[in-house]
Amino acid sequence: MGAIGPLLGILLVLGFLALMIYLFSAGAASRALNQQERNELNQLRALVDDLKDTAWDHRELDSALSTIMIDKIREYERRGRELG
């Protein structure tokens, strides 16, 4: 009966360590996902900037459509700055 106390203590410590390792690895995966999301967001921002520049550069093909595209992008950018 006296050996059960230390055995339970060891099991509790091992369980705690296993829980900490699990939480640490889950946190690392979450941080990696956040980095992946940031990379994708940066790529999408670059794409939108490129589309805006393309619309401006080729406005002689269809000036009304280019103006609409540029205005929509600028409106979205302004709304983003107002919110955050």
C-alpha atoms as a PDB file:
ATOM      1  CA  MET A   1       0.000   0.000   0.000  1.00  0.00           C
ATOM      2  CA  GLY A   2       2.872   2.387   0.713  1.00  0.00           C
ATOM      3  CA  ALA A   3       4.202   2.083  -2.851  1.00  0.00           C
ATOM      4  CA  ILE A   4       0.976   3.416  -4.391  1.00  0.00           C
ATOM      5  CA  GLY A   5       1.609   6.997  -3.241  1.00  0.00           C
ATOM      6  CA  PRO A   6       4.934   7.453  -5.089  1.00  0.00           C
ATOM      7  CA  LEU A   7       3.549   5.591  -8.116  1.00  0.00           C
ATOM      8  CA  LEU A   8       0.551   7.944  -8.280  1.00  0.00           C
ATOM      9  CA  GLY A   9       2.900  10.913  -7.922  1.00  0.00           C
ATOM     10  CA  ILE A  10       5.018   9.677 -10.825  1.00  0.00           C
ATOM     11  CA  LEU A  11       1.913   9.084 -12.937  1.00  0.00           C
ATOM     12  CA  LEU A  12       0.635  12.569 -12.149  1.00  0.00           C
ATOM     13  CA  VAL A  13       3.980  14.127 -13.108  1.00  0.00           C
ATOM     14  CA  LEU A  14       4.117  12.104 -16.340  1.00  0.00           C
ATOM     15  CA  GLY A  15       0.523  13.062 -17.143  1.00  0.00           C
ATOM     16  CA  PHE A  16       1.303  16.710 -16.490  1.00  0.00           C
ATOM     17  CA  LEU A  17       4.390  16.543 -18.719  1.00  0.00           C
ATOM     18  CA  ALA A  18       2.401  14.835 -21.479  1.00  0.00           C
ATOM     19  CA  LEU A  19      -0.256  17.563 -21.232  1.00  0.00           C
ATOM     20  CA  MET A  20       2.382  20.319 -21.398  1.00  0.00           C
ATOM     21  CA  ILE A  21       4.024  18.721 -24.451  1.00  0.00           C
ATOM     22  CA  TYR A  22       0.637  18.427 -26.158  1.00  0.00           C
ATOM     23  CA  LEU A  23      -0.275  22.038 -25.416  1.00  0.00           C
ATOM     24  CA  PHE A  24       3.144  23.278 -26.546  1.00  0.00           C
ATOM     25  CA  SER A  25       2.943  21.369 -29.816  1.00  0.00           C
ATOM     26  CA  ALA A  26      -0.618  22.586 -30.420  1.00  0.00           C
ATOM     27  CA  GLY A  27       0.542  26.158 -29.778  1.00  0.00           C
ATOM     28  CA  ALA A  28       3.446  25.739 -32.187  1.00  0.00           C
ATOM     29  CA  ALA A  29       1.091  24.390 -34.865  1.00  0.00           C
ATOM     30  CA  SER A  30      -1.225  27.338 -34.271  1.00  0.00           C
ATOM     31  CA  ARG A  31       1.653  29.808 -34.626  1.00  0.00           C
ATOM     32  CA  ALA A  32       2.762  28.090 -37.836  1.00  0.00           C
ATOM     33  CA  LEU A  33      -0.756  28.306 -39.207  1.00  0.00           C
ATOM     34  CA  ASN A  34      -0.903  31.978 -38.315  1.00  0.00           C
ATOM     35  CA  GLN A  35       2.370  32.546 -40.171  1.00  0.00           C
ATOM     36  CA  GLN A  36       0.950  30.668 -43.162  1.00  0.00           C
ATOM     37  CA  GLU A  37      -2.169  32.830 -43.032  1.00  0.00           C
ATOM     38  CA  ARG A  38      -0.047  35.994 -42.844  1.00  0.00           C
ATOM     39  CA  ASN A  39       1.933  34.878 -45.882  1.00  0.00           C
ATOM     40  CA  GLU A  40      -1.266  34.216 -47.819  1.00  0.00           C
ATOM     41  CA  LEU A  41      -2.696  37.586 -46.769  1.00  0.00           C
ATOM     42  CA  ASN A  42       0.470  39.343 -47.959  1.00  0.00           C
ATOM     43  CA  GLN A  43       0.231  37.530 -51.286  1.00  0.00           C
ATOM     44  CA  LEU A  44      -3.416  38.547 -51.685  1.00  0.00           C
ATOM     45  CA  ARG A  45      -2.566  42.167 -50.887  1.00  0.00           C
ATOM     46  CA  ALA A  46       0.172  42.078 -53.515  1.00  0.00           C
ATOM     47  CA  LEU A  47      -2.322  40.644 -56.013  1.00  0.00           C
ATOM     48  CA  VAL A  48      -4.839  43.413 -55.298  1.00  0.00           C
ATOM     49  CA  ASP A  49      -2.117  46.051 -55.698  1.00  0.00           C
ATOM     50  CA  ASP A  50      -1.108  44.452 -58.992  1.00  0.00           C
ATOM     51  CA  LEU A  51      -4.736  44.415 -60.196  1.00  0.00           C
ATOM     52  CA  LYS A  52      -5.108  48.073 -59.288  1.00  0.00           C
ATOM     53  CA  ASP A  53      -1.920  48.949 -61.190  1.00  0.00           C
ATOM     54  CA  THR A  54      -3.020  46.844 -64.174  1.00  0.00           C
ATOM     55  CA  ALA A  55      -6.412  48.563 -64.259  1.00  0.00           C
ATOM     56  CA  TRP A  56      -4.661  51.944 -64.199  1.00  0.00           C
ATOM     57  CA  ASP A  57      -2.061  50.982 -66.818  1.00  0.00           C
ATOM     58  CA  HIS A  58      -4.718  49.691 -69.241  1.00  0.00           C
ATOM     59  CA  ARG A  59      -7.434  52.251 -68.602  1.00  0.00           C
ATOM     60  CA  GLU A  60      -7.428  53.222 -72.288  1.00  0.00           C
ATOM     61  CA  LEU A  61      -8.939  49.805 -73.134  1.00  0.00           C
ATOM     62  CA  ASP A  62     -12.000  50.409 -70.975  1.00  0.00           C
ATOM     63  CA  SER A  63     -11.760  53.516 -68.846  1.00  0.00           C
ATOM     64  CA  ALA A  64     -15.139  53.022 -67.171  1.00  0.00           C
ATOM     65  CA  LEU A  65     -14.309  49.489 -66.049  1.00  0.00           C
ATOM     66  CA  SER A  66     -10.824  50.515 -64.885  1.00  0.00           C
ATOM     67  CA  THR A  67     -12.300  53.365 -62.875  1.00  0.00           C
ATOM     68  CA  ILE A  68     -14.846  51.053 -61.260  1.00  0.00           C
ATOM     69  CA  MET A  69     -12.156  48.510 -60.314  1.00  0.00           C
ATOM     70  CA  ILE A  70      -9.816  51.134 -58.885  1.00  0.00           C
ATOM     71  CA  ASP A  71     -12.643  52.821 -56.959  1.00  0.00           C
ATOM     72  CA  LYS A  72     -13.794  49.487 -55.495  1.00  0.00           C
ATOM     73  CA  ILE A  73     -10.274  48.651 -54.321  1.00  0.00           C
ATOM     74  CA  ARG A  74      -9.738  52.114 -52.833  1.00  0.00           C
ATOM     75  CA  GLU A  75     -13.124  51.978 -51.092  1.00  0.00           C
ATOM     76  CA  TYR A  76     -12.192  48.632 -49.538  1.00  0.00           C
ATOM     77  CA  GLU A  77      -8.787  49.971 -48.457  1.00  0.00           C
ATOM     78  CA  ARG A  78     -10.369  53.076 -46.871  1.00  0.00           C
ATOM     79  CA  ARG A  79     -12.925  50.966 -45.023  1.00  0.00           C
ATOM     80  CA  GLY A  80     -10.094  48.764 -43.700  1.00  0.00           C
ATOM     81  CA  ARG A  81      -8.173  51.778 -42.391  1.00  0.00           C
ATOM     82  CA  GLU A  82     -11.313  53.148 -40.703  1.00  0.00           C
ATOM     83  CA  LEU A  83     -11.944  49.821 -38.941  1.00  0.00           C
ATOM     84  CA  GLY A  84      -8.488  49.094 -37.802  1.00  0.00           C
END
